[in-house]
Amino acid sequence: MKDTELTPLKIQHTDADTPFLLSKHLQSIFSKLPNYQPIVVICVGTDRSTGDSLGPLVGSHLNRTTNLRNLHLFGTLDEPVHAMNLSETVDKIQRQFDNPFIVAVDACLGQVSSVGCIQVADGPLKPGAGVNKDLPPVGNIHVTGIVNVGGFMEYFVLQNTRLSLVMNMANVIGDALHSALRRTQAYTPSAKTALQID
């Protein structure tokens, strides 16, 4: 959408002001949406790989800590969205929601100097690109966490990523998403929620 195009954000998750800056950045995007457009968060990944568990960890963090009554959330540790069911999940979202604004969350690999950074960028996420998987792009915007170094033996690298790093990044992303959604008046659900949060 033209009115939500943004300058990409890239910030180290350990910086003291990262939670505030990330939440503020996301809120600025959500606040430009029409109040009838549902926001859907899809967290991509699998708990079978430490590095690739960032998305499901974010989803479970949101599911556990949020007090948003109507959170449209897909992808948790218990019910992950991964290569085998991504297409089906995207189809389900398109059927269930009228013109949803989709926030895709996933892990990625990058340069050694960028490990630990969280990125927010316009346009769809391309899941599996780092490990040569052909999966459908998803998302109006995407939030990615650089969990390890890319370019060589990606599957092995993801399997040997530090769980501490991934969990800490997931907590930061989850808290920022929750804060941004809570503070954005534009977040007005218009379809039956995927997960009902009380």
N, C-alpha and C. Protein backbone atom coordinates (compact mmCIF):
# COMPACT_ATOMS: atom_id res chain seq x y z
N MET A 1 0.84 -1.18 0.00
CA MET A 1 0.00 0.00 0.00
C MET A 1 0.88 1.24 0.00
N LYS A 2 0.50 2.21 -0.82
CA LYS A 2 1.35 3.38 -0.97
C LYS A 2 1.42 4.20 0.31
N ASP A 3 0.31 4.24 1.07
CA ASP A 3 0.32 5.09 2.24
C ASP A 3 1.02 4.47 3.43
N THR A 4 1.53 3.26 3.29
CA THR A 4 2.26 2.64 4.39
C THR A 4 3.71 2.35 4.02
N GLU A 5 4.18 2.86 2.88
CA GLU A 5 5.57 2.66 2.53
C GLU A 5 6.45 3.33 3.58
N LEU A 6 7.55 2.72 3.89
CA LEU A 6 8.36 3.22 4.98
C LEU A 6 9.84 3.04 4.69
N THR A 7 10.62 3.84 5.41
CA THR A 7 12.06 3.66 5.38
C THR A 7 12.40 2.46 6.25
N PRO A 8 13.18 1.52 5.72
CA PRO A 8 13.49 0.32 6.51
C PRO A 8 14.19 0.68 7.82
N LEU A 9 13.86 -0.08 8.85
CA LEU A 9 14.49 0.08 10.15
C LEU A 9 15.37 -1.13 10.41
N LYS A 10 16.57 -0.89 10.88
CA LYS A 10 17.47 -1.97 11.27
C LYS A 10 18.15 -1.55 12.55
N ILE A 11 17.95 -2.34 13.60
CA ILE A 11 18.40 -1.93 14.91
C ILE A 11 18.83 -3.16 15.72
N GLN A 12 19.89 -3.00 16.50
CA GLN A 12 20.41 -4.11 17.31
C GLN A 12 19.47 -4.36 18.50
N HIS A 13 19.11 -5.61 18.71
CA HIS A 13 18.09 -5.91 19.72
C HIS A 13 18.55 -5.61 21.14
N THR A 14 19.85 -5.53 21.36
CA THR A 14 20.36 -5.28 22.71
C THR A 14 20.45 -3.80 23.06
N ASP A 15 20.27 -2.91 22.09
CA ASP A 15 20.30 -1.48 22.39
C ASP A 15 19.17 -1.12 23.36
N ALA A 16 19.46 -0.24 24.29
CA ALA A 16 18.48 0.08 25.34
C ALA A 16 17.19 0.68 24.78
N ASP A 17 17.30 1.44 23.70
CA ASP A 17 16.11 2.10 23.16
C ASP A 17 15.40 1.31 22.07
N THR A 18 15.87 0.09 21.80
CA THR A 18 15.26 -0.71 20.73
C THR A 18 13.78 -0.99 20.95
N PRO A 19 13.34 -1.44 22.12
CA PRO A 19 11.91 -1.71 22.29
C PRO A 19 11.04 -0.50 21.96
N PHE A 20 11.45 0.68 22.44
CA PHE A 20 10.68 1.90 22.18
C PHE A 20 10.69 2.26 20.70
N LEU A 21 11.88 2.25 20.09
CA LEU A 21 11.99 2.65 18.69
C LEU A 21 11.25 1.68 17.76
N LEU A 22 11.35 0.39 18.06
CA LEU A 22 10.67 -0.60 17.23
C LEU A 22 9.16 -0.46 17.35
N SER A 23 8.67 -0.30 18.57
CA SER A 23 7.24 -0.12 18.78
C SER A 23 6.74 1.15 18.10
N LYS A 24 7.48 2.23 18.24
CA LYS A 24 7.09 3.50 17.63
C LYS A 24 7.06 3.39 16.11
N HIS A 25 8.02 2.69 15.54
CA HIS A 25 8.09 2.51 14.09
C HIS A 25 6.87 1.71 13.60
N LEU A 26 6.55 0.63 14.29
CA LEU A 26 5.39 -0.17 13.91
C LEU A 26 4.09 0.60 14.09
N GLN A 27 4.00 1.34 15.17
CA GLN A 27 2.80 2.12 15.42
C GLN A 27 2.57 3.16 14.33
N SER A 28 3.65 3.76 13.85
CA SER A 28 3.52 4.75 12.79
C SER A 28 2.96 4.14 11.51
N ILE A 29 3.26 2.86 11.29
CA ILE A 29 2.72 2.15 10.12
C ILE A 29 1.25 1.83 10.33
N PHE A 30 0.93 1.25 11.48
CA PHE A 30 -0.44 0.84 11.75
C PHE A 30 -1.40 2.02 11.79
N SER A 31 -0.92 3.16 12.28
CA SER A 31 -1.80 4.32 12.43
C SER A 31 -2.26 4.91 11.10
N LYS A 32 -1.58 4.54 10.01
CA LYS A 32 -1.96 5.04 8.69
C LYS A 32 -3.01 4.18 8.01
N LEU A 33 -3.34 3.05 8.62
CA LEU A 33 -4.30 2.14 8.02
C LEU A 33 -5.72 2.62 8.30
N PRO A 34 -6.65 2.36 7.40
CA PRO A 34 -8.06 2.67 7.69
C PRO A 34 -8.56 1.83 8.86
N ASN A 35 -9.47 2.39 9.65
CA ASN A 35 -9.86 1.70 10.89
C ASN A 35 -10.65 0.43 10.66
N TYR A 36 -11.06 0.18 9.42
CA TYR A 36 -11.79 -1.06 9.13
C TYR A 36 -10.87 -2.17 8.64
N GLN A 37 -9.59 -1.88 8.43
CA GLN A 37 -8.68 -2.90 7.88
C GLN A 37 -8.08 -3.75 9.00
N PRO A 38 -8.34 -5.06 9.00
CA PRO A 38 -7.78 -5.90 10.06
C PRO A 38 -6.29 -6.09 9.91
N ILE A 39 -5.59 -6.12 11.03
CA ILE A 39 -4.16 -6.39 11.06
C ILE A 39 -3.96 -7.85 11.47
N VAL A 40 -3.25 -8.60 10.63
CA VAL A 40 -2.98 -10.00 10.88
C VAL A 40 -1.48 -10.19 11.05
N VAL A 41 -1.08 -10.85 12.13
CA VAL A 41 0.34 -11.16 12.37
C VAL A 41 0.56 -12.63 12.07
N ILE A 42 1.46 -12.93 11.13
CA ILE A 42 1.77 -14.31 10.80
C ILE A 42 3.25 -14.55 11.11
N CYS A 43 3.50 -15.45 12.03
CA CYS A 43 4.86 -15.73 12.51
C CYS A 43 5.33 -17.04 11.89
N VAL A 44 6.31 -16.95 11.01
CA VAL A 44 6.75 -18.08 10.20
C VAL A 44 7.97 -18.75 10.82
N GLY A 45 7.99 -20.07 10.82
CA GLY A 45 9.16 -20.80 11.31
C GLY A 45 8.76 -22.12 11.93
N THR A 46 9.73 -22.80 12.52
CA THR A 46 9.50 -24.11 13.11
C THR A 46 10.32 -24.27 14.38
N ASP A 47 9.75 -24.98 15.35
CA ASP A 47 10.49 -25.23 16.58
C ASP A 47 11.46 -26.40 16.45
N ARG A 48 11.55 -26.97 15.25
CA ARG A 48 12.49 -28.07 15.02
C ARG A 48 13.91 -27.56 14.70
N SER A 49 14.05 -26.26 14.57
CA SER A 49 15.35 -25.65 14.31
C SER A 49 15.50 -24.43 15.20
N THR A 50 16.57 -24.39 15.98
CA THR A 50 16.74 -23.29 16.93
C THR A 50 16.68 -21.93 16.24
N GLY A 51 17.44 -21.76 15.18
CA GLY A 51 17.48 -20.49 14.50
C GLY A 51 16.15 -20.11 13.85
N ASP A 52 15.42 -21.12 13.37
CA ASP A 52 14.17 -20.87 12.67
C ASP A 52 12.98 -20.80 13.61
N SER A 53 13.23 -20.83 14.91
CA SER A 53 12.13 -20.79 15.87
C SER A 53 11.75 -19.37 16.28
N LEU A 54 12.40 -18.36 15.71
CA LEU A 54 12.11 -16.98 16.10
C LEU A 54 10.63 -16.64 15.90
N GLY A 55 10.10 -16.94 14.71
CA GLY A 55 8.71 -16.61 14.44
C GLY A 55 7.74 -17.25 15.42
N PRO A 56 7.79 -18.59 15.59
CA PRO A 56 6.90 -19.23 16.56
C PRO A 56 7.08 -18.72 17.99
N LEU A 57 8.30 -18.36 18.36
CA LEU A 57 8.53 -17.80 19.69
C LEU A 57 7.85 -16.44 19.84
N VAL A 58 7.91 -15.62 18.79
CA VAL A 58 7.20 -14.33 18.82
C VAL A 58 5.70 -14.57 18.95
N GLY A 59 5.18 -15.52 18.16
CA GLY A 59 3.76 -15.81 18.23
C GLY A 59 3.33 -16.29 19.61
N SER A 60 4.10 -17.18 20.21
CA SER A 60 3.77 -17.68 21.54
C SER A 60 3.90 -16.58 22.58
N HIS A 61 4.88 -15.71 22.42
CA HIS A 61 5.05 -14.57 23.34
C HIS A 61 3.82 -13.67 23.27
N LEU A 62 3.36 -13.36 22.08
CA LEU A 62 2.15 -12.54 21.92
C LEU A 62 0.94 -13.26 22.51
N ASN A 63 0.82 -14.52 22.23
CA ASN A 63 -0.31 -15.32 22.71
C ASN A 63 -0.36 -15.37 24.22
N ARG A 64 0.81 -15.40 24.84
CA ARG A 64 0.91 -15.55 26.29
C ARG A 64 0.78 -14.23 27.03
N THR A 65 1.30 -13.16 26.48
CA THR A 65 1.43 -11.91 27.23
C THR A 65 0.43 -10.84 26.83
N THR A 66 -0.18 -10.97 25.67
CA THR A 66 -1.03 -9.88 25.21
C THR A 66 -2.37 -9.85 25.94
N ASN A 67 -2.93 -8.66 26.11
CA ASN A 67 -4.28 -8.52 26.62
C ASN A 67 -5.20 -7.91 25.56
N LEU A 68 -4.77 -7.98 24.30
CA LEU A 68 -5.62 -7.54 23.21
C LEU A 68 -6.71 -8.58 23.01
N ARG A 69 -7.96 -8.14 23.08
CA ARG A 69 -9.07 -9.09 23.01
C ARG A 69 -9.19 -9.72 21.64
N ASN A 70 -8.86 -9.01 20.60
CA ASN A 70 -9.03 -9.53 19.24
C ASN A 70 -7.71 -9.45 18.48
N LEU A 71 -6.86 -10.40 18.75
CA LEU A 71 -5.56 -10.46 18.06
C LEU A 71 -5.64 -11.50 16.96
N HIS A 72 -5.38 -11.09 15.73
CA HIS A 72 -5.39 -12.01 14.59
C HIS A 72 -3.97 -12.55 14.43
N LEU A 73 -3.73 -13.72 15.00
CA LEU A 73 -2.38 -14.26 15.11
C LEU A 73 -2.31 -15.67 14.53
N PHE A 74 -1.33 -15.90 13.68
CA PHE A 74 -1.08 -17.21 13.12
C PHE A 74 0.40 -17.53 13.33
N GLY A 75 0.70 -18.72 13.89
CA GLY A 75 2.07 -19.16 14.06
C GLY A 75 2.56 -19.05 15.49
N THR A 76 2.51 -20.18 16.21
CA THR A 76 3.03 -20.26 17.57
C THR A 76 3.85 -21.54 17.68
N LEU A 77 4.46 -21.75 18.83
CA LEU A 77 5.21 -22.99 19.04
C LEU A 77 4.29 -24.20 18.96
N ASP A 78 3.08 -24.07 19.48
CA ASP A 78 2.14 -25.19 19.45
C ASP A 78 1.54 -25.40 18.06
N GLU A 79 1.32 -24.32 17.33
CA GLU A 79 0.73 -24.40 15.99
C GLU A 79 1.56 -23.55 15.02
N PRO A 80 2.74 -24.04 14.65
CA PRO A 80 3.63 -23.24 13.80
C PRO A 80 3.15 -23.13 12.36
N VAL A 81 3.56 -22.04 11.73
CA VAL A 81 3.36 -21.85 10.29
C VAL A 81 4.72 -22.03 9.63
N HIS A 82 4.84 -23.07 8.81
CA HIS A 82 6.15 -23.43 8.25
C HIS A 82 6.00 -23.80 6.78
N ALA A 83 7.04 -24.36 6.22
CA ALA A 83 7.06 -24.63 4.78
C ALA A 83 5.91 -25.52 4.33
N MET A 84 5.49 -26.45 5.19
CA MET A 84 4.48 -27.42 4.80
C MET A 84 3.06 -26.86 4.79
N ASN A 85 2.81 -25.79 5.58
CA ASN A 85 1.45 -25.27 5.65
C ASN A 85 1.34 -23.77 5.39
N LEU A 86 2.41 -23.15 4.91
CA LEU A 86 2.39 -21.71 4.68
C LEU A 86 1.35 -21.32 3.64
N SER A 87 1.35 -21.98 2.50
CA SER A 87 0.40 -21.64 1.43
C SER A 87 -1.03 -21.79 1.92
N GLU A 88 -1.31 -22.87 2.64
CA GLU A 88 -2.65 -23.11 3.18
C GLU A 88 -3.05 -22.01 4.16
N THR A 89 -2.09 -21.58 5.00
CA THR A 89 -2.37 -20.54 5.98
C THR A 89 -2.66 -19.21 5.31
N VAL A 90 -1.87 -18.86 4.30
CA VAL A 90 -2.09 -17.60 3.58
C VAL A 90 -3.47 -17.62 2.91
N ASP A 91 -3.84 -18.74 2.31
CA ASP A 91 -5.17 -18.86 1.69
C ASP A 91 -6.27 -18.69 2.74
N LYS A 92 -6.06 -19.28 3.91
CA LYS A 92 -7.05 -19.18 4.98
C LYS A 92 -7.22 -17.73 5.43
N ILE A 93 -6.12 -17.01 5.55
CA ILE A 93 -6.18 -15.60 5.96
C ILE A 93 -6.95 -14.79 4.93
N GLN A 94 -6.68 -15.02 3.66
CA GLN A 94 -7.36 -14.26 2.60
C GLN A 94 -8.85 -14.56 2.57
N ARG A 95 -9.23 -15.79 2.91
CA ARG A 95 -10.65 -16.14 2.95
C ARG A 95 -11.34 -15.57 4.19
N GLN A 96 -10.62 -15.54 5.29
CA GLN A 96 -11.21 -15.17 6.57
C GLN A 96 -11.33 -13.67 6.77
N PHE A 97 -10.41 -12.91 6.16
CA PHE A 97 -10.37 -11.48 6.41
C PHE A 97 -10.55 -10.70 5.12
N ASP A 98 -11.19 -9.54 5.24
CA ASP A 98 -11.42 -8.66 4.11
C ASP A 98 -10.25 -7.68 4.00
N ASN A 99 -9.42 -7.86 2.96
CA ASN A 99 -8.27 -6.99 2.72
C ASN A 99 -7.39 -6.83 3.95
N PRO A 100 -6.86 -7.92 4.49
CA PRO A 100 -6.05 -7.82 5.71
C PRO A 100 -4.71 -7.13 5.45
N PHE A 101 -4.22 -6.45 6.47
CA PHE A 101 -2.86 -5.91 6.46
C PHE A 101 -2.01 -6.92 7.22
N ILE A 102 -1.13 -7.60 6.50
CA ILE A 102 -0.40 -8.73 7.08
C ILE A 102 1.02 -8.32 7.49
N VAL A 103 1.34 -8.60 8.75
CA VAL A 103 2.69 -8.40 9.28
C VAL A 103 3.33 -9.78 9.37
N ALA A 104 4.35 -10.02 8.57
CA ALA A 104 5.04 -11.32 8.57
C ALA A 104 6.31 -11.23 9.42
N VAL A 105 6.49 -12.21 10.28
CA VAL A 105 7.64 -12.25 11.18
C VAL A 105 8.42 -13.53 10.91
N ASP A 106 9.73 -13.42 10.79
CA ASP A 106 10.54 -14.60 10.50
C ASP A 106 11.99 -14.35 10.90
N ALA A 107 12.75 -15.42 11.01
CA ALA A 107 14.20 -15.33 11.20
C ALA A 107 14.88 -15.24 9.85
N CYS A 108 16.08 -14.69 9.84
CA CYS A 108 16.88 -14.70 8.61
C CYS A 108 18.35 -14.74 8.98
N LEU A 109 19.18 -15.00 7.97
CA LEU A 109 20.62 -15.02 8.13
C LEU A 109 21.21 -13.78 7.46
N GLY A 110 22.37 -13.33 7.92
CA GLY A 110 22.95 -12.13 7.36
C GLY A 110 24.45 -12.07 7.60
N GLN A 111 25.00 -10.88 7.49
CA GLN A 111 26.42 -10.68 7.73
C GLN A 111 26.72 -10.77 9.23
N VAL A 112 27.96 -11.13 9.55
CA VAL A 112 28.32 -11.32 10.95
C VAL A 112 28.09 -10.05 11.76
N SER A 113 28.29 -8.89 11.17
CA SER A 113 28.11 -7.62 11.88
C SER A 113 26.64 -7.31 12.14
N SER A 114 25.73 -8.02 11.46
CA SER A 114 24.31 -7.75 11.61
C SER A 114 23.59 -8.75 12.50
N VAL A 115 24.29 -9.79 12.96
CA VAL A 115 23.65 -10.79 13.81
C VAL A 115 23.13 -10.12 15.08
N GLY A 116 21.87 -10.38 15.40
CA GLY A 116 21.23 -9.76 16.55
C GLY A 116 20.39 -8.55 16.19
N CYS A 117 20.42 -8.15 14.92
CA CYS A 117 19.64 -6.99 14.48
C CYS A 117 18.21 -7.40 14.13
N ILE A 118 17.29 -6.49 14.40
CA ILE A 118 15.89 -6.63 14.01
C ILE A 118 15.63 -5.64 12.89
N GLN A 119 14.93 -6.10 11.86
CA GLN A 119 14.64 -5.27 10.70
C GLN A 119 13.14 -5.19 10.46
N VAL A 120 12.68 -4.01 10.04
CA VAL A 120 11.31 -3.83 9.58
C VAL A 120 11.39 -3.24 8.19
N ALA A 121 10.71 -3.85 7.24
CA ALA A 121 10.78 -3.37 5.86
C ALA A 121 9.43 -3.50 5.18
N ASP A 122 9.22 -2.68 4.16
CA ASP A 122 8.00 -2.70 3.37
C ASP A 122 7.98 -3.92 2.47
N GLY A 123 6.79 -4.37 2.13
CA GLY A 123 6.65 -5.45 1.17
C GLY A 123 6.68 -6.82 1.82
N PRO A 124 6.49 -7.86 1.01
CA PRO A 124 6.36 -9.21 1.55
C PRO A 124 7.68 -9.83 1.97
N LEU A 125 7.55 -10.72 2.93
CA LEU A 125 8.63 -11.60 3.34
C LEU A 125 8.76 -12.72 2.32
N LYS A 126 9.98 -13.18 2.09
CA LYS A 126 10.21 -14.32 1.19
C LYS A 126 10.78 -15.47 2.02
N PRO A 127 9.89 -16.22 2.67
CA PRO A 127 10.36 -17.29 3.56
C PRO A 127 11.17 -18.34 2.82
N GLY A 128 12.19 -18.85 3.49
CA GLY A 128 12.98 -19.93 2.92
C GLY A 128 14.00 -19.53 1.89
N ALA A 129 14.08 -18.24 1.58
CA ALA A 129 15.02 -17.80 0.54
C ALA A 129 16.46 -18.12 0.92
N GLY A 130 16.75 -18.01 2.23
CA GLY A 130 18.13 -18.26 2.68
C GLY A 130 18.55 -19.71 2.60
N VAL A 131 17.57 -20.62 2.52
CA VAL A 131 17.90 -22.05 2.44
C VAL A 131 17.34 -22.65 1.15
N ASN A 132 17.15 -21.78 0.16
CA ASN A 132 16.77 -22.20 -1.19
C ASN A 132 15.44 -22.94 -1.25
N LYS A 133 14.47 -22.50 -0.45
CA LYS A 133 13.13 -23.05 -0.52
C LYS A 133 12.24 -22.11 -1.33
N ASP A 134 11.37 -22.68 -2.15
CA ASP A 134 10.47 -21.89 -2.99
C ASP A 134 9.12 -21.81 -2.30
N LEU A 135 8.93 -20.77 -1.50
CA LEU A 135 7.70 -20.57 -0.75
C LEU A 135 7.04 -19.27 -1.17
N PRO A 136 5.72 -19.15 -1.01
CA PRO A 136 5.04 -17.93 -1.44
C PRO A 136 5.43 -16.74 -0.57
N PRO A 137 5.61 -15.58 -1.18
CA PRO A 137 5.86 -14.37 -0.39
C PRO A 137 4.62 -14.03 0.44
N VAL A 138 4.84 -13.43 1.60
CA VAL A 138 3.71 -13.12 2.47
C VAL A 138 3.99 -11.84 3.24
N GLY A 139 2.95 -11.01 3.36
CA GLY A 139 3.06 -9.82 4.19
C GLY A 139 3.01 -8.51 3.42
N ASN A 140 2.34 -7.53 4.01
CA ASN A 140 2.41 -6.16 3.52
C ASN A 140 3.70 -5.50 4.01
N ILE A 141 4.09 -5.87 5.21
CA ILE A 141 5.41 -5.51 5.75
C ILE A 141 5.98 -6.76 6.39
N HIS A 142 7.26 -6.75 6.65
CA HIS A 142 7.85 -7.89 7.34
C HIS A 142 8.83 -7.44 8.41
N VAL A 143 8.87 -8.23 9.48
CA VAL A 143 9.79 -8.01 10.59
C VAL A 143 10.68 -9.24 10.66
N THR A 144 11.97 -9.04 10.54
CA THR A 144 12.89 -10.16 10.55
C THR A 144 13.98 -9.95 11.62
N GLY A 145 14.42 -11.05 12.18
CA GLY A 145 15.53 -11.03 13.11
C GLY A 145 16.70 -11.79 12.52
N ILE A 146 17.85 -11.17 12.46
CA ILE A 146 19.05 -11.82 11.92
C ILE A 146 19.67 -12.66 13.03
N VAL A 147 19.50 -13.97 12.93
CA VAL A 147 19.86 -14.85 14.03
C VAL A 147 21.25 -15.46 13.90
N ASN A 148 21.81 -15.43 12.68
CA ASN A 148 23.13 -16.02 12.49
C ASN A 148 23.69 -15.58 11.14
N VAL A 149 24.87 -16.10 10.81
CA VAL A 149 25.59 -15.69 9.60
C VAL A 149 25.15 -16.56 8.42
N GLY A 150 24.87 -15.92 7.30
CA GLY A 150 24.45 -16.63 6.10
C GLY A 150 25.58 -16.81 5.11
N GLY A 151 25.28 -17.59 4.06
CA GLY A 151 26.22 -17.74 2.97
C GLY A 151 26.89 -19.09 2.89
N PHE A 152 26.76 -19.92 3.95
CA PHE A 152 27.44 -21.21 3.92
C PHE A 152 26.74 -22.18 4.88
N MET A 153 26.34 -23.33 4.36
CA MET A 153 25.72 -24.40 5.16
C MET A 153 24.58 -23.85 6.02
N GLU A 154 23.60 -23.22 5.36
CA GLU A 154 22.55 -22.52 6.08
C GLU A 154 21.76 -23.40 7.05
N TYR A 155 21.41 -24.61 6.62
CA TYR A 155 20.66 -25.51 7.51
C TYR A 155 21.44 -25.79 8.79
N PHE A 156 22.73 -26.07 8.64
CA PHE A 156 23.58 -26.36 9.79
C PHE A 156 23.68 -25.13 10.69
N VAL A 157 23.82 -23.96 10.08
CA VAL A 157 23.93 -22.72 10.85
C VAL A 157 22.66 -22.47 11.66
N LEU A 158 21.49 -22.67 11.02
CA LEU A 158 20.24 -22.46 11.75
C LEU A 158 20.09 -23.43 12.90
N GLN A 159 20.50 -24.67 12.68
CA GLN A 159 20.40 -25.68 13.74
C GLN A 159 21.31 -25.36 14.91
N ASN A 160 22.38 -24.63 14.66
CA ASN A 160 23.39 -24.36 15.69
C ASN A 160 23.39 -22.90 16.15
N THR A 161 22.26 -22.27 16.02
CA THR A 161 22.09 -20.90 16.50
C THR A 161 21.79 -20.90 17.99
N ARG A 162 22.29 -19.93 18.71
CA ARG A 162 22.10 -19.86 20.16
C ARG A 162 20.63 -19.59 20.50
N LEU A 163 20.05 -20.44 21.33
CA LEU A 163 18.66 -20.27 21.74
C LEU A 163 18.48 -18.98 22.53
N SER A 164 19.45 -18.62 23.34
CA SER A 164 19.37 -17.39 24.13
C SER A 164 19.17 -16.17 23.24
N LEU A 165 19.93 -16.09 22.15
CA LEU A 165 19.81 -14.98 21.22
C LEU A 165 18.40 -14.94 20.61
N VAL A 166 17.93 -16.08 20.14
CA VAL A 166 16.63 -16.14 19.47
C VAL A 166 15.51 -15.77 20.44
N MET A 167 15.56 -16.26 21.67
CA MET A 167 14.51 -15.96 22.64
C MET A 167 14.52 -14.48 23.02
N ASN A 168 15.70 -13.91 23.21
CA ASN A 168 15.78 -12.50 23.56
C ASN A 168 15.23 -11.62 22.43
N MET A 169 15.55 -11.97 21.19
CA MET A 169 15.04 -11.20 20.06
C MET A 169 13.52 -11.36 19.95
N ALA A 170 13.03 -12.57 20.18
CA ALA A 170 11.59 -12.82 20.11
C ALA A 170 10.84 -12.00 21.15
N ASN A 171 11.40 -11.89 22.34
CA ASN A 171 10.75 -11.10 23.38
C ASN A 171 10.67 -9.63 23.00
N VAL A 172 11.74 -9.10 22.41
CA VAL A 172 11.75 -7.70 22.00
C VAL A 172 10.72 -7.46 20.90
N ILE A 173 10.70 -8.34 19.90
CA ILE A 173 9.75 -8.18 18.80
C ILE A 173 8.31 -8.33 19.30
N GLY A 174 8.07 -9.35 20.12
CA GLY A 174 6.73 -9.56 20.64
C GLY A 174 6.22 -8.38 21.46
N ASP A 175 7.07 -7.86 22.34
CA ASP A 175 6.68 -6.70 23.15
C ASP A 175 6.40 -5.48 22.28
N ALA A 176 7.23 -5.27 21.26
CA ALA A 176 7.06 -4.10 20.39
C ALA A 176 5.76 -4.21 19.58
N LEU A 177 5.47 -5.39 19.07
CA LEU A 177 4.23 -5.58 18.32
C LEU A 177 3.02 -5.36 19.22
N HIS A 178 3.07 -5.93 20.41
CA HIS A 178 1.95 -5.76 21.34
C HIS A 178 1.72 -4.29 21.66
N SER A 179 2.79 -3.58 21.98
CA SER A 179 2.68 -2.18 22.32
C SER A 179 2.15 -1.36 21.16
N ALA A 180 2.65 -1.64 19.95
CA ALA A 180 2.21 -0.88 18.77
C ALA A 180 0.74 -1.12 18.47
N LEU A 181 0.30 -2.37 18.55
CA LEU A 181 -1.11 -2.69 18.30
C LEU A 181 -2.02 -2.10 19.37
N ARG A 182 -1.58 -2.17 20.60
CA ARG A 182 -2.40 -1.64 21.70
C ARG A 182 -2.59 -0.14 21.59
N ARG A 183 -1.56 0.56 21.12
CA ARG A 183 -1.62 2.01 21.07
C ARG A 183 -2.22 2.55 19.77
N THR A 184 -2.51 1.68 18.84
CA THR A 184 -2.99 2.14 17.54
C THR A 184 -4.50 2.04 17.47
N GLN A 185 -5.14 3.17 17.35
CA GLN A 185 -6.60 3.19 17.26
C GLN A 185 -7.10 2.53 15.99
N ALA A 186 -6.23 2.43 14.99
CA ALA A 186 -6.64 1.83 13.71
C ALA A 186 -6.88 0.34 13.83
N TYR A 187 -6.44 -0.26 14.94
CA TYR A 187 -6.60 -1.71 15.08
C TYR A 187 -8.03 -2.03 15.49
N THR A 188 -8.89 -2.21 14.48
CA THR A 188 -10.29 -2.53 14.70
C THR A 188 -10.62 -3.78 13.92
N PRO A 189 -10.73 -4.93 14.58
CA PRO A 189 -10.97 -6.19 13.88
C PRO A 189 -12.29 -6.17 13.13
N SER A 190 -12.31 -6.81 11.95
CA SER A 190 -13.53 -6.88 11.16
C SER A 190 -13.86 -8.30 10.74
N ALA A 191 -13.26 -9.27 11.43
CA ALA A 191 -13.57 -10.66 11.14
C ALA A 191 -13.37 -11.47 12.41
N LYS A 192 -13.89 -12.65 12.43
CA LYS A 192 -13.71 -13.51 13.59
C LYS A 192 -12.24 -13.81 13.78
N THR A 193 -11.74 -13.56 14.98
CA THR A 193 -10.32 -13.71 15.25
C THR A 193 -9.85 -15.17 15.14
N ALA A 194 -8.61 -15.33 14.71
CA ALA A 194 -8.03 -16.67 14.64
C ALA A 194 -7.78 -17.23 16.03
N LEU A 195 -7.31 -16.36 16.94
CA LEU A 195 -7.09 -16.75 18.33
C LEU A 195 -7.79 -15.72 19.20
N GLN A 196 -8.66 -16.15 20.07
CA GLN A 196 -9.36 -15.22 20.95
C GLN A 196 -8.56 -15.08 22.23
N ILE A 197 -8.12 -13.86 22.49
CA ILE A 197 -7.30 -13.60 23.66
C ILE A 197 -8.15 -12.88 24.71
N ASP A 198 -8.26 -13.45 25.88
CA ASP A 198 -9.04 -12.82 26.94
C ASP A 198 -8.13 -12.12 27.95
